Amino acid sequence: MAPGTQNGSEKAHLDTVDTTDEVKPFIVGESKKDSEFGAPKDVYNAVYFIMLLHGIGCLMPWNMFITIAGKYFVGYKMLERTDNGTLVETYYSTEFFGFLGMFSQLPNLLLNLINIFVRMRGGLKPRIAISLCIVGAVCIFTMCFIFVDSNTWVFGFFVMTMFSVAILNGANGVYQNSIYGVASAFPPKFTNAILIGNNICGTFVSIISILTILLSDDVRFAALFYFLVAFFTIVACLVSFFMLERFDFYVYYARKANQKNGDEEGQQQEEEHISMERYAEVLKQAWPQMFNVFCIFFVTLSIFPTIQVDIKLYREDGVYDFFIPQKLYEAITTFLLFNVCATIGSTLANSYQWPNPKTLWIPVVLRLLLIPAFMFCNFRPAVRTWKVFFYNEWIFIVLSIIMAVSSGYLSSMGMMFAPHVVEPKNSRIAGMMAAFFLIFGVCCGILNTFVIGSVIEW
């Protein structure tokens, strides 16, 4: 099948989704345009760009946190001041990233799962608003301690940091899961806007990281800048969230989604008593897309960034001679390259949707081959026992481009398909389930990096 084509019935289903059943967007209003004239235009693509902004907001605080963590937390805040005034490493600095992964991903995953099943009056509106306020509060809380000397009470600061990380990622899990639920009521490209926003966020943070390496030696002011950007991004997301009801395009889909269920109060009562059979029905219909989303992010996070940052440039004489400055090699070939290429892949999915939902699993499963391919590069040369097959850095770069573009493209396809391969009344549940499997794939991919690290040393 040629790119951009689909099975006729599937294509029609994706393009003309009927959301007149039980799918409930978070705000209900009266449209100025009668539905008999069709959906009003998304003027200036305002709703689309708001979804894209929320894609950026989903990841901005956490991306800023982990990007500055090495210099700020490990290399500064978690060091202990001795009696003679020198700063020395502590257990909390050397093991910081291990604890960071545990305290971040587990709350994120658990709150994603709980958010699917727990119903509350008002739909997704209070969840998103409260989650954004919590994330913003954590950003402010973190900034309050930037200029506070923590080197004399490292353990207390470590516990406080892990506590704030758990709260940040728990709230962010609810926010991310809910915003995918919101987008599922719109045409598929609005779900993809969130993924494009995710990748744009990564690209922006990568550029900030490079500029910080080049321009700033003061880690405190760098940290302040990072968290200020994260905070104002969250504020922009919160404001734009409440602006949605001003757009006829949004109101049309909100009204359309509620037509069959009658008044808002009656639907909220029904939504609060969704049976487990309905969740099982959604999973039965959409499990191939859930698997696709899981597998895509499992492969991506198994490779990026853990394997990639440990693939070293090889020269027989040991002299660095690549055209990218050595101090920027990792930032450009791993982080910036991945995020730019993933953004390109996600953007392509708006125009070209191939393969179709039934055959998407084929390229998704084939991507598993990328894991051994990267392992056969010059990965951890000092400790590996396996033979290196790919010494050339350009092979590594080409593999990185393939991995990133396919990650952006295929993940967009899976996330767009998931809400639209089920009955319209179940599209929001399917969208939220897909968001859970996204995070589940991320968590399993991160855990798989430990397996890969052990296997390479056998």
Protein backbone atom coordinates (compact mmCIF):
# COMPACT_ATOMS: atom_id res chain seq x y z
CA MET A 1 0.00 0.00 0.00
CA ALA A 2 1.36 3.39 -0.96
CA PRO A 3 2.21 5.94 1.72
CA GLY A 4 -0.71 8.11 2.74
CA THR A 5 -3.37 5.51 1.82
CA GLN A 6 -5.51 3.36 4.05
CA ASN A 7 -8.24 0.83 3.90
CA GLY A 8 -11.31 2.73 2.79
CA SER A 9 -13.52 1.96 5.75
CA GLU A 10 -10.74 2.66 8.23
CA LYS A 11 -9.87 5.93 6.54
CA ALA A 12 -13.47 7.02 6.64
CA HIS A 13 -13.71 6.09 10.28
CA LEU A 14 -10.64 8.11 11.17
CA ASP A 15 -11.66 11.15 9.18
CA THR A 16 -15.32 11.30 10.19
CA VAL A 17 -15.37 10.13 13.77
CA ASP A 18 -18.81 10.31 15.32
CA THR A 19 -18.39 11.55 18.86
CA THR A 20 -22.08 11.86 19.56
CA ASP A 21 -22.01 9.04 22.10
CA GLU A 22 -20.62 9.04 25.61
CA VAL A 23 -17.26 10.67 25.07
CA LYS A 24 -17.28 13.73 27.32
CA PRO A 25 -14.87 16.60 26.82
CA PHE A 26 -14.16 18.57 29.95
CA ILE A 27 -16.11 21.75 29.17
CA VAL A 28 -19.55 22.06 27.72
CA GLY A 29 -20.86 25.17 26.06
CA GLU A 30 -23.23 26.36 23.40
CA SER A 31 -21.87 26.77 19.91
CA LYS A 32 -22.75 29.85 17.89
CA LYS A 33 -22.84 27.70 14.79
CA ASP A 34 -25.48 25.09 14.20
CA SER A 35 -24.06 21.60 13.73
CA GLU A 36 -26.03 21.17 10.49
CA PHE A 37 -23.42 23.36 8.81
CA GLY A 38 -20.63 21.02 9.92
CA ALA A 39 -17.72 21.65 12.24
CA PRO A 40 -16.60 25.28 12.35
CA LYS A 41 -13.05 26.00 11.26
CA ASP A 42 -10.25 25.96 13.81
CA VAL A 43 -9.50 29.65 13.25
CA TYR A 44 -5.75 30.29 13.02
CA ASN A 45 -5.35 26.66 14.20
CA ALA A 46 -5.81 28.04 17.71
CA VAL A 47 -7.11 24.82 19.30
CA TYR A 48 -4.44 22.80 17.53
CA PHE A 49 -1.69 25.04 18.87
CA ILE A 50 -3.17 24.91 22.36
CA MET A 51 -2.94 21.10 22.21
CA LEU A 52 0.62 21.46 20.97
CA LEU A 53 1.38 23.81 23.88
CA HIS A 54 0.05 21.23 26.31
CA GLY A 55 2.32 18.67 24.67
CA ILE A 56 5.21 20.96 25.53
CA GLY A 57 3.83 21.52 29.03
CA CYS A 58 3.52 17.78 29.71
CA LEU A 59 7.29 17.38 29.56
CA MET A 60 8.82 20.82 30.12
CA PRO A 61 9.16 20.76 33.95
CA TRP A 62 10.55 17.23 34.04
CA ASN A 63 12.86 17.78 31.06
CA MET A 64 14.25 20.89 32.70
CA PHE A 65 14.68 18.99 35.96
CA ILE A 66 16.65 16.07 34.54
CA THR A 67 18.70 18.28 32.19
CA ILE A 68 20.04 20.42 35.03
CA ALA A 69 20.21 17.52 37.51
CA GLY A 70 23.77 16.47 36.69
CA LYS A 71 25.32 19.89 37.25
CA TYR A 72 22.92 21.23 39.85
CA PHE A 73 21.93 18.33 42.08
CA VAL A 74 24.75 15.79 41.58
CA GLY A 75 27.58 18.26 41.13
CA TYR A 76 26.48 20.92 43.61
CA LYS A 77 23.47 20.51 45.94
CA MET A 78 24.17 16.90 46.97
CA LEU A 79 27.81 17.51 47.87
CA GLU A 80 28.74 17.73 51.55
CA ARG A 81 30.84 20.53 53.02
CA THR A 82 33.67 19.29 55.20
CA ASP A 83 35.19 21.10 58.19
CA ASN A 84 37.85 22.68 55.99
CA GLY A 85 35.22 24.04 53.58
CA THR A 86 35.76 21.68 50.64
CA LEU A 87 32.84 19.93 48.92
CA VAL A 88 32.99 16.13 48.66
CA GLU A 89 30.79 13.52 47.00
CA THR A 90 28.16 11.75 49.08
CA TYR A 91 26.10 8.59 48.68
CA TYR A 92 23.22 10.81 47.63
CA SER A 93 25.19 12.44 44.83
CA THR A 94 26.57 9.18 43.40
CA GLU A 95 23.18 7.40 43.55
CA PHE A 96 21.05 10.41 42.73
CA PHE A 97 19.91 9.35 39.25
CA GLY A 98 18.96 5.86 40.42
CA PHE A 99 16.70 7.27 43.13
CA LEU A 100 15.46 9.92 40.70
CA GLY A 101 14.24 7.27 38.27
CA MET A 102 12.42 5.34 40.99
CA PHE A 103 10.75 8.35 42.62
CA SER A 104 9.72 9.84 39.27
CA GLN A 105 8.46 7.00 37.09
CA LEU A 106 6.58 4.92 39.68
CA PRO A 107 4.26 7.78 40.80
CA ASN A 108 3.80 8.78 37.15
CA LEU A 109 2.81 5.25 36.15
CA LEU A 110 0.54 4.65 39.16
CA LEU A 111 -1.30 7.96 38.82
CA ASN A 112 -1.73 7.35 35.09
CA LEU A 113 -3.37 4.02 35.87
CA ILE A 114 -5.57 5.36 38.68
CA ASN A 115 -6.67 8.30 36.54
CA ILE A 116 -8.19 5.91 33.98
CA PHE A 117 -10.50 4.24 36.48
CA VAL A 118 -11.31 6.92 39.05
CA ARG A 119 -14.23 9.11 38.01
CA MET A 120 -14.98 12.51 39.47
CA ARG A 121 -17.69 15.08 38.92
CA GLY A 122 -16.65 17.68 36.37
CA GLY A 123 -14.81 15.26 34.09
CA LEU A 124 -11.23 16.08 33.17
CA LYS A 125 -11.36 19.83 33.83
CA PRO A 126 -10.53 19.77 37.57
CA ARG A 127 -7.90 17.06 37.11
CA ILE A 128 -5.96 19.08 34.57
CA ALA A 129 -6.32 22.38 36.43
CA ILE A 130 -5.31 20.93 39.81
CA SER A 131 -2.42 18.96 38.29
CA LEU A 132 -1.05 22.05 36.56
CA CYS A 133 -1.28 24.04 39.80
CA ILE A 134 0.62 21.31 41.66
CA VAL A 135 3.35 21.14 39.01
CA GLY A 136 3.70 24.93 39.09
CA ALA A 137 3.88 24.90 42.89
CA VAL A 138 6.68 22.31 42.79
CA CYS A 139 8.61 24.52 40.35
CA ILE A 140 8.28 27.47 42.78
CA PHE A 141 9.23 25.26 45.72
CA THR A 142 12.35 24.07 43.89
CA MET A 143 13.38 27.62 42.99
CA CYS A 144 13.07 28.73 46.63
CA PHE A 145 16.01 26.49 47.57
CA ILE A 146 18.36 27.34 44.69
CA PHE A 147 20.29 29.93 46.71
CA VAL A 148 19.95 28.08 50.03
CA ASP A 149 23.11 26.28 51.18
CA SER A 150 22.20 22.58 51.32
CA ASN A 151 25.75 21.26 51.73
CA THR A 152 25.42 21.06 55.51
CA TRP A 153 22.11 19.14 55.49
CA VAL A 154 22.43 16.93 52.42
CA PHE A 155 20.22 14.08 53.67
CA GLY A 156 17.34 16.42 54.49
CA PHE A 157 17.63 18.17 51.14
CA PHE A 158 17.79 14.79 49.35
CA VAL A 159 14.59 13.56 51.05
CA MET A 160 12.85 16.84 50.28
CA THR A 161 13.95 16.66 46.64
CA MET A 162 12.73 13.08 46.17
CA PHE A 163 9.42 13.99 47.80
CA SER A 164 8.97 16.93 45.40
CA VAL A 165 9.98 14.71 42.45
CA ALA A 166 7.29 12.17 43.40
CA ILE A 167 4.64 14.90 43.67
CA LEU A 168 5.73 16.53 40.40
CA ASN A 169 5.58 13.31 38.42
CA GLY A 170 2.40 12.06 40.06
CA ALA A 171 0.62 15.29 39.16
CA ASN A 172 2.23 15.27 35.73
CA GLY A 173 1.00 11.70 35.18
CA VAL A 174 -2.60 12.76 35.82
CA TYR A 175 -2.14 15.84 33.61
CA GLN A 176 -0.61 13.92 30.70
CA ASN A 177 -3.18 11.13 30.86
CA SER A 178 -6.07 13.62 31.06
CA ILE A 179 -4.91 15.83 28.20
CA TYR A 180 -4.80 12.79 25.92
CA GLY A 181 -8.35 12.06 27.05
CA VAL A 182 -9.33 15.59 26.05
CA ALA A 183 -7.65 15.33 22.64
CA SER A 184 -9.37 12.01 21.88
CA ALA A 185 -12.67 13.86 21.31
CA PHE A 186 -11.12 15.82 18.44
CA PRO A 187 -9.91 14.63 15.03
CA PRO A 188 -6.75 12.47 15.19
CA LYS A 189 -4.28 15.24 14.36
CA PHE A 190 -5.07 16.94 17.68
CA THR A 191 -3.76 13.90 19.55
CA ASN A 192 -0.67 14.09 17.38
CA ALA A 193 -0.26 17.77 18.29
CA ILE A 194 0.49 16.67 21.86
CA LEU A 195 3.21 14.31 20.67
CA ILE A 196 4.70 16.97 18.42
CA GLY A 197 4.68 19.28 21.43
CA ASN A 198 6.52 16.61 23.46
CA ASN A 199 9.27 16.48 20.85
CA ILE A 200 9.45 20.25 20.42
CA CYS A 201 9.90 20.48 24.17
CA GLY A 202 12.83 18.07 23.98
CA THR A 203 14.38 20.05 21.13
CA PHE A 204 14.03 23.33 23.02
CA VAL A 205 15.56 21.88 26.19
CA SER A 206 18.42 20.39 24.18
CA ILE A 207 19.20 23.80 22.68
CA ILE A 208 19.03 25.42 26.13
CA SER A 209 21.42 22.75 27.41
CA ILE A 210 23.93 23.47 24.63
CA LEU A 211 23.74 27.22 25.25
CA THR A 212 24.21 26.63 28.97
CA ILE A 213 27.33 24.57 28.31
CA LEU A 214 28.73 27.33 26.12
CA LEU A 215 27.70 30.44 28.06
CA SER A 216 27.11 29.75 31.75
CA ASP A 217 29.48 28.68 34.51
CA ASP A 218 27.14 29.52 37.41
CA VAL A 219 24.99 26.47 38.02
CA ARG A 220 22.63 28.34 40.36
CA PHE A 221 21.60 30.94 37.78
CA ALA A 222 21.35 28.20 35.15
CA ALA A 223 19.00 26.24 37.46
CA LEU A 224 16.94 29.37 38.13
CA PHE A 225 16.56 29.98 34.40
CA TYR A 226 15.55 26.35 33.77
CA PHE A 227 12.85 26.30 36.44
CA LEU A 228 11.55 29.75 35.53
CA VAL A 229 11.04 28.61 31.94
CA ALA A 230 9.25 25.49 33.22
CA PHE A 231 7.04 27.55 35.53
CA PHE A 232 5.97 30.07 32.89
CA THR A 233 5.26 27.22 30.46
CA ILE A 234 2.89 25.72 33.05
CA VAL A 235 1.22 29.11 33.54
CA ALA A 236 0.73 29.39 29.77
CA CYS A 237 -0.81 25.90 29.69
CA LEU A 238 -3.20 26.75 32.52
CA VAL A 239 -4.35 29.97 30.87
CA SER A 240 -4.75 28.36 27.44
CA PHE A 241 -6.69 25.48 28.98
CA PHE A 242 -9.45 27.81 30.14
CA MET A 243 -9.39 29.66 26.82
CA LEU A 244 -10.56 26.56 24.93
CA GLU A 245 -14.23 27.22 25.66
CA ARG A 246 -13.93 30.51 23.76
CA PHE A 247 -13.43 28.73 20.44
CA ASP A 248 -16.41 27.62 18.36
CA PHE A 249 -14.36 24.73 17.00
CA TYR A 250 -13.88 23.30 20.50
CA VAL A 251 -17.46 24.05 21.60
CA TYR A 252 -18.80 22.25 18.52
CA TYR A 253 -17.02 19.02 19.46
CA ALA A 254 -17.96 19.40 23.13
CA ARG A 255 -21.61 19.87 22.19
CA LYS A 256 -21.49 17.04 19.68
CA ALA A 257 -19.99 14.70 22.25
CA ASN A 258 -22.84 15.38 24.68
CA GLN A 259 -25.83 15.34 22.33
CA LYS A 260 -26.71 11.71 22.86
CA ASN A 261 -26.37 11.75 26.63
CA GLY A 262 -28.64 14.70 27.37
CA ASP A 263 -27.72 17.15 30.07
CA GLU A 264 -24.26 17.43 31.57
CA GLU A 265 -25.25 16.35 35.08
CA GLY A 266 -26.85 13.15 33.85
CA GLN A 267 -23.78 12.27 31.86
CA GLN A 268 -21.46 12.94 34.76
CA GLN A 269 -23.45 10.48 36.88
CA GLU A 270 -23.16 7.89 34.14
CA GLU A 271 -19.43 8.53 33.75
CA GLU A 272 -18.90 7.94 37.45
CA HIS A 273 -20.20 4.36 37.14
CA ILE A 274 -18.34 2.97 34.16
CA SER A 275 -18.22 -0.79 34.49
CA MET A 276 -15.12 -2.96 34.24
CA GLU A 277 -16.80 -4.69 31.29
CA ARG A 278 -16.59 -1.43 29.36
CA TYR A 279 -12.86 -1.12 30.07
CA ALA A 280 -12.43 -4.74 28.96
CA GLU A 281 -14.38 -3.94 25.79
CA VAL A 282 -12.09 -1.00 25.02
CA LEU A 283 -8.99 -3.11 25.62
CA LYS A 284 -10.34 -5.90 23.45
CA GLN A 285 -10.93 -3.51 20.55
CA ALA A 286 -7.79 -1.38 20.92
CA TRP A 287 -5.16 -3.74 22.35
CA PRO A 288 -3.10 -3.81 19.11
CA GLN A 289 -2.65 -0.03 19.34
CA MET A 290 -1.88 -0.28 23.07
CA PHE A 291 0.79 -2.84 22.24
CA ASN A 292 2.14 -0.61 19.47
CA VAL A 293 2.41 2.41 21.77
CA PHE A 294 4.04 0.32 24.52
CA CYS A 295 6.55 -1.33 22.18
CA ILE A 296 7.54 1.93 20.47
CA PHE A 297 8.41 3.64 23.73
CA PHE A 298 9.98 0.48 25.18
CA VAL A 299 12.48 0.40 22.30
CA THR A 300 13.04 4.15 22.32
CA LEU A 301 13.75 4.39 26.05
CA SER A 302 15.87 1.24 25.98
CA ILE A 303 18.20 3.13 23.62
CA PHE A 304 17.70 6.83 24.35
CA PRO A 305 19.53 8.24 26.11
CA THR A 306 21.28 5.54 28.19
CA ILE A 307 22.83 3.46 25.40
CA GLN A 308 23.48 6.42 23.12
CA VAL A 309 25.44 8.49 25.65
CA ASP A 310 27.71 5.50 26.33
CA ILE A 311 28.56 4.91 22.66
CA LYS A 312 32.00 6.47 22.41
CA LEU A 313 33.77 7.97 19.43
CA TYR A 314 36.47 5.52 18.35
CA ARG A 315 39.94 6.54 17.21
CA GLU A 316 42.94 4.22 17.21
CA ASP A 317 45.23 6.97 18.51
CA GLY A 318 42.63 8.17 21.02
CA VAL A 319 42.68 11.73 19.65
CA TYR A 320 39.29 13.42 19.23
CA ASP A 321 39.02 14.85 15.70
CA PHE A 322 35.28 14.96 14.92
CA PHE A 323 33.88 18.21 13.53
CA ILE A 324 31.51 18.70 16.51
CA PRO A 325 33.38 20.13 19.55
CA GLN A 326 34.03 17.38 22.07
CA LYS A 327 32.10 19.03 24.91
CA LEU A 328 29.03 19.26 22.64
CA TYR A 329 29.29 15.82 21.01
CA GLU A 330 26.89 14.08 23.39
CA ALA A 331 24.46 17.01 23.55
CA ILE A 332 24.20 17.21 19.75
CA THR A 333 24.48 13.59 18.55
CA THR A 334 22.23 12.17 21.26
CA PHE A 335 19.79 14.74 22.65
CA LEU A 336 19.39 17.39 19.95
CA LEU A 337 19.45 14.89 17.08
CA PHE A 338 16.86 12.65 18.71
CA ASN A 339 14.43 15.44 19.51
CA VAL A 340 14.69 17.15 16.11
CA CYS A 341 14.22 13.86 14.23
CA ALA A 342 11.36 12.73 16.50
CA THR A 343 9.64 16.07 15.84
CA ILE A 344 10.02 15.52 12.10
CA GLY A 345 8.57 12.02 12.44
CA SER A 346 5.57 13.21 14.44
CA THR A 347 4.92 16.04 11.99
CA LEU A 348 5.02 13.64 9.02
CA ALA A 349 2.27 11.57 10.66
CA ASN A 350 -0.15 14.48 10.17
CA SER A 351 0.14 14.14 6.40
CA TYR A 352 1.06 10.51 5.78
CA GLN A 353 -0.66 7.73 7.69
CA TRP A 354 0.81 4.46 6.55
CA PRO A 355 0.60 1.62 7.40
CA ASN A 356 -3.00 1.26 8.55
CA PRO A 357 -4.06 0.30 12.09
CA LYS A 358 -4.10 -3.42 11.30
CA THR A 359 -0.53 -3.56 9.99
CA LEU A 360 1.17 -0.89 12.12
CA TRP A 361 2.56 -3.65 14.36
CA ILE A 362 4.95 -4.80 11.60
CA PRO A 363 7.35 -1.78 11.64
CA VAL A 364 6.80 -1.49 15.40
CA VAL A 365 8.07 -5.03 16.02
CA LEU A 366 10.91 -4.59 13.49
CA ARG A 367 12.17 -1.66 15.59
CA LEU A 368 13.20 -4.19 18.26
CA LEU A 369 16.19 -4.92 16.03
CA LEU A 370 17.50 -1.44 16.79
CA ILE A 371 18.39 -2.50 20.35
CA PRO A 372 21.08 -5.07 19.32
CA ALA A 373 22.17 -2.76 16.49
CA PHE A 374 23.11 -0.05 19.00
CA MET A 375 24.67 -2.62 21.31
CA PHE A 376 27.00 -3.63 18.47
CA CYS A 377 28.26 -0.04 18.24
CA ASN A 378 31.17 1.09 20.43
CA PHE A 379 28.96 0.92 23.52
CA ARG A 380 30.79 0.95 26.87
CA PRO A 381 34.13 -0.09 25.35
CA ALA A 382 35.90 -0.20 28.70
CA VAL A 383 33.73 -2.96 30.18
CA ARG A 384 32.03 -4.78 27.27
CA THR A 385 32.89 -8.39 26.47
CA TRP A 386 30.99 -8.47 23.18
CA LYS A 387 32.72 -7.76 19.89
CA VAL A 388 32.15 -4.29 18.41
CA PHE A 389 30.82 -4.45 14.84
CA PHE A 390 30.18 -0.76 14.16
CA TYR A 391 33.08 1.50 15.07
CA ASN A 392 32.22 4.25 12.59
CA GLU A 393 30.42 7.17 14.25
CA TRP A 394 28.36 7.80 11.12
CA ILE A 395 26.73 4.37 11.47
CA PHE A 396 25.77 5.37 14.99
CA ILE A 397 24.36 8.70 13.75
CA VAL A 398 22.36 7.05 10.94
CA LEU A 399 20.95 4.48 13.38
CA SER A 400 20.05 7.35 15.73
CA ILE A 401 18.19 9.17 12.96
CA ILE A 402 16.26 6.01 12.01
CA MET A 403 15.39 5.32 15.63
CA ALA A 404 14.24 8.89 16.34
CA VAL A 405 12.22 9.46 13.15
CA SER A 406 10.50 6.08 13.49
CA SER A 407 9.81 6.78 17.17
CA GLY A 408 8.11 10.09 16.40
CA TYR A 409 6.22 8.80 13.34
CA LEU A 410 5.02 5.45 14.68
CA SER A 411 4.15 6.74 18.15
CA SER A 412 2.00 9.44 16.57
CA MET A 413 0.26 6.82 14.45
CA GLY A 414 -0.43 4.58 17.43
CA MET A 415 -1.68 7.40 19.63
CA MET A 416 -3.91 8.76 16.83
CA PHE A 417 -5.34 5.35 15.97
CA ALA A 418 -6.09 4.25 19.56
CA PRO A 419 -9.14 6.48 20.27
CA HIS A 420 -10.60 5.84 16.82
CA VAL A 421 -10.53 2.04 16.56
CA VAL A 422 -13.14 1.77 19.32
CA GLU A 423 -16.78 2.79 19.46
CA PRO A 424 -17.10 6.59 19.66
CA LYS A 425 -18.49 6.43 23.20
CA ASN A 426 -15.23 4.80 24.32
CA SER A 427 -12.76 7.07 22.55
CA ARG A 428 -11.81 9.04 25.67
CA ILE A 429 -11.14 5.88 27.68
CA ALA A 430 -9.04 4.52 24.80
CA GLY A 431 -7.04 7.74 24.61
CA MET A 432 -6.30 7.64 28.33
CA MET A 433 -5.38 3.95 28.16
CA ALA A 434 -2.97 4.68 25.32
CA ALA A 435 -1.35 7.39 27.47
CA PHE A 436 -0.92 4.82 30.26
CA PHE A 437 0.74 2.33 27.91
CA LEU A 438 3.02 5.13 26.70
CA ILE A 439 4.29 5.68 30.25
CA PHE A 440 4.38 1.91 30.86
CA GLY A 441 6.61 1.53 27.81
CA VAL A 442 8.84 4.34 29.07
CA CYS A 443 9.21 2.66 32.48
CA CYS A 444 9.92 -0.78 31.03
CA GLY A 445 12.41 0.73 28.58
CA ILE A 446 14.27 2.42 31.42
CA LEU A 447 14.36 -0.85 33.37
CA ASN A 448 15.60 -2.65 30.26
CA THR A 449 18.69 -0.42 30.19
CA PHE A 450 19.89 -2.21 33.33
CA VAL A 451 19.45 -5.57 31.57
CA ILE A 452 21.34 -4.30 28.51
CA GLY A 453 24.15 -2.99 30.69
CA SER A 454 24.50 -6.38 32.37
CA VAL A 455 24.26 -8.39 29.14
CA ILE A 456 27.00 -6.38 27.40
CA GLU A 457 29.42 -7.38 30.18
CA TRP A 458 28.71 -11.14 30.05
